[in-house]
Amino acid sequence: MEKINTKGHSFVGTVWPVIGSKGDKYSIVMTDEGFECNCPAYVKCKHIKAVEKKILCQSGT
């Protein structure tokens, strides 16, 4: 998957609500440095990857 350059992106500050596989609610936010998720994962989590995929699909890349 293509990496999104978030520095200065028009979506910086946008928060995406996500429901986890066990029904827990998480928030993904785009920052100039990348994405942040408040789930307990310590690596780039599946929630962030799902949001990135949606952005890339909508932009046609």
C-alpha atoms as a PDB file:
ATOM      1  CA  MET A   1       0.000   0.000   0.000  1.00  0.00           C
ATOM      2  CA  GLU A   2       1.177   3.502  -0.785  1.00  0.00           C
ATOM      3  CA  LYS A   3       2.289   5.608   2.174  1.00  0.00           C
ATOM      4  CA  ILE A   4       0.375   8.827   2.805  1.00  0.00           C
ATOM      5  CA  ASN A   5       2.478  11.943   3.325  1.00  0.00           C
ATOM      6  CA  THR A   6       0.608  13.508   6.245  1.00  0.00           C
ATOM      7  CA  LYS A   7       2.813  16.611   6.644  1.00  0.00           C
ATOM      8  CA  GLY A   8       0.534  19.538   5.770  1.00  0.00           C
ATOM      9  CA  HIS A   9      -2.221  17.176   4.523  1.00  0.00           C
ATOM     10  CA  SER A  10      -5.720  18.651   4.409  1.00  0.00           C
ATOM     11  CA  PHE A  11      -6.910  15.899   6.785  1.00  0.00           C
ATOM     12  CA  VAL A  12      -4.451  16.800   9.591  1.00  0.00           C
ATOM     13  CA  GLY A  13      -6.517  17.068  12.780  1.00  0.00           C
ATOM     14  CA  THR A  14      -9.288  14.854  11.426  1.00  0.00           C
ATOM     15  CA  VAL A  15     -10.479  12.162  13.830  1.00  0.00           C
ATOM     16  CA  TRP A  16     -11.978   8.904  12.553  1.00  0.00           C
ATOM     17  CA  PRO A  17     -14.033   6.857  15.046  1.00  0.00           C
ATOM     18  CA  VAL A  18     -13.399   3.116  14.735  1.00  0.00           C
ATOM     19  CA  ILE A  19     -15.084   0.130  16.349  1.00  0.00           C
ATOM     20  CA  GLY A  20     -12.605  -2.640  17.169  1.00  0.00           C
ATOM     21  CA  SER A  21     -13.170  -6.337  16.595  1.00  0.00           C
ATOM     22  CA  LYS A  22     -14.384  -6.771  20.199  1.00  0.00           C
ATOM     23  CA  GLY A  23     -16.689  -3.737  20.084  1.00  0.00           C
ATOM     24  CA  ASP A  24     -14.269  -1.294  21.715  1.00  0.00           C
ATOM     25  CA  LYS A  25     -14.301   2.280  20.412  1.00  0.00           C
ATOM     26  CA  TYR A  26     -11.043   3.870  19.237  1.00  0.00           C
ATOM     27  CA  SER A  27     -10.094   7.141  17.597  1.00  0.00           C
ATOM     28  CA  ILE A  28      -7.628   7.577  14.744  1.00  0.00           C
ATOM     29  CA  VAL A  29      -6.226  11.068  14.213  1.00  0.00           C
ATOM     30  CA  MET A  30      -3.998  12.317  11.410  1.00  0.00           C
ATOM     31  CA  THR A  31      -1.103  14.508  12.532  1.00  0.00           C
ATOM     32  CA  ASP A  32       1.764  16.093  10.592  1.00  0.00           C
ATOM     33  CA  GLU A  33       3.908  13.185  11.812  1.00  0.00           C
ATOM     34  CA  GLY A  34       1.511  10.394  10.777  1.00  0.00           C
ATOM     35  CA  PHE A  35      -1.475   8.686  12.347  1.00  0.00           C
ATOM     36  CA  GLU A  36      -2.237   8.016  16.006  1.00  0.00           C
ATOM     37  CA  CYS A  37      -4.658   5.483  17.451  1.00  0.00           C
ATOM     38  CA  ASN A  38      -5.638   5.137  21.093  1.00  0.00           C
ATOM     39  CA  CYS A  39      -5.845   1.332  20.917  1.00  0.00           C
ATOM     40  CA  PRO A  40      -3.370  -0.766  22.947  1.00  0.00           C
ATOM     41  CA  ALA A  41      -1.273  -1.813  19.901  1.00  0.00           C
ATOM     42  CA  TYR A  42       2.337  -0.664  19.978  1.00  0.00           C
ATOM     43  CA  VAL A  43       2.910  -0.829  16.228  1.00  0.00           C
ATOM     44  CA  LYS A  44       1.019   0.567  13.253  1.00  0.00           C
ATOM     45  CA  CYS A  45      -2.335  -1.023  14.079  1.00  0.00           C
ATOM     46  CA  LYS A  46      -4.993  -2.418  11.789  1.00  0.00           C
ATOM     47  CA  HIS A  47      -7.235   0.566  12.597  1.00  0.00           C
ATOM     48  CA  ILE A  48      -4.711   3.007  11.121  1.00  0.00           C
ATOM     49  CA  LYS A  49      -4.164   0.762   8.103  1.00  0.00           C
ATOM     50  CA  ALA A  50      -7.936   0.674   7.469  1.00  0.00           C
ATOM     51  CA  VAL A  51      -8.198   4.487   7.572  1.00  0.00           C
ATOM     52  CA  GLU A  52      -5.185   4.834   5.240  1.00  0.00           C
ATOM     53  CA  LYS A  53      -6.775   2.383   2.808  1.00  0.00           C
ATOM     54  CA  LYS A  54     -10.032   4.365   2.768  1.00  0.00           C
ATOM     55  CA  ILE A  55      -8.184   7.627   2.101  1.00  0.00           C
ATOM     56  CA  LEU A  56      -6.146   6.088  -0.718  1.00  0.00           C
ATOM     57  CA  CYS A  57      -9.206   4.468  -2.312  1.00  0.00           C
ATOM     58  CA  GLN A  58     -11.167   7.725  -2.216  1.00  0.00           C
ATOM     59  CA  SER A  59      -8.281   9.662  -3.759  1.00  0.00           C
ATOM     60  CA  GLY A  60      -8.043   7.133  -6.574  1.00  0.00           C
ATOM     61  CA  THR A  61      -4.492   5.965  -5.850  1.00  0.00           C
END
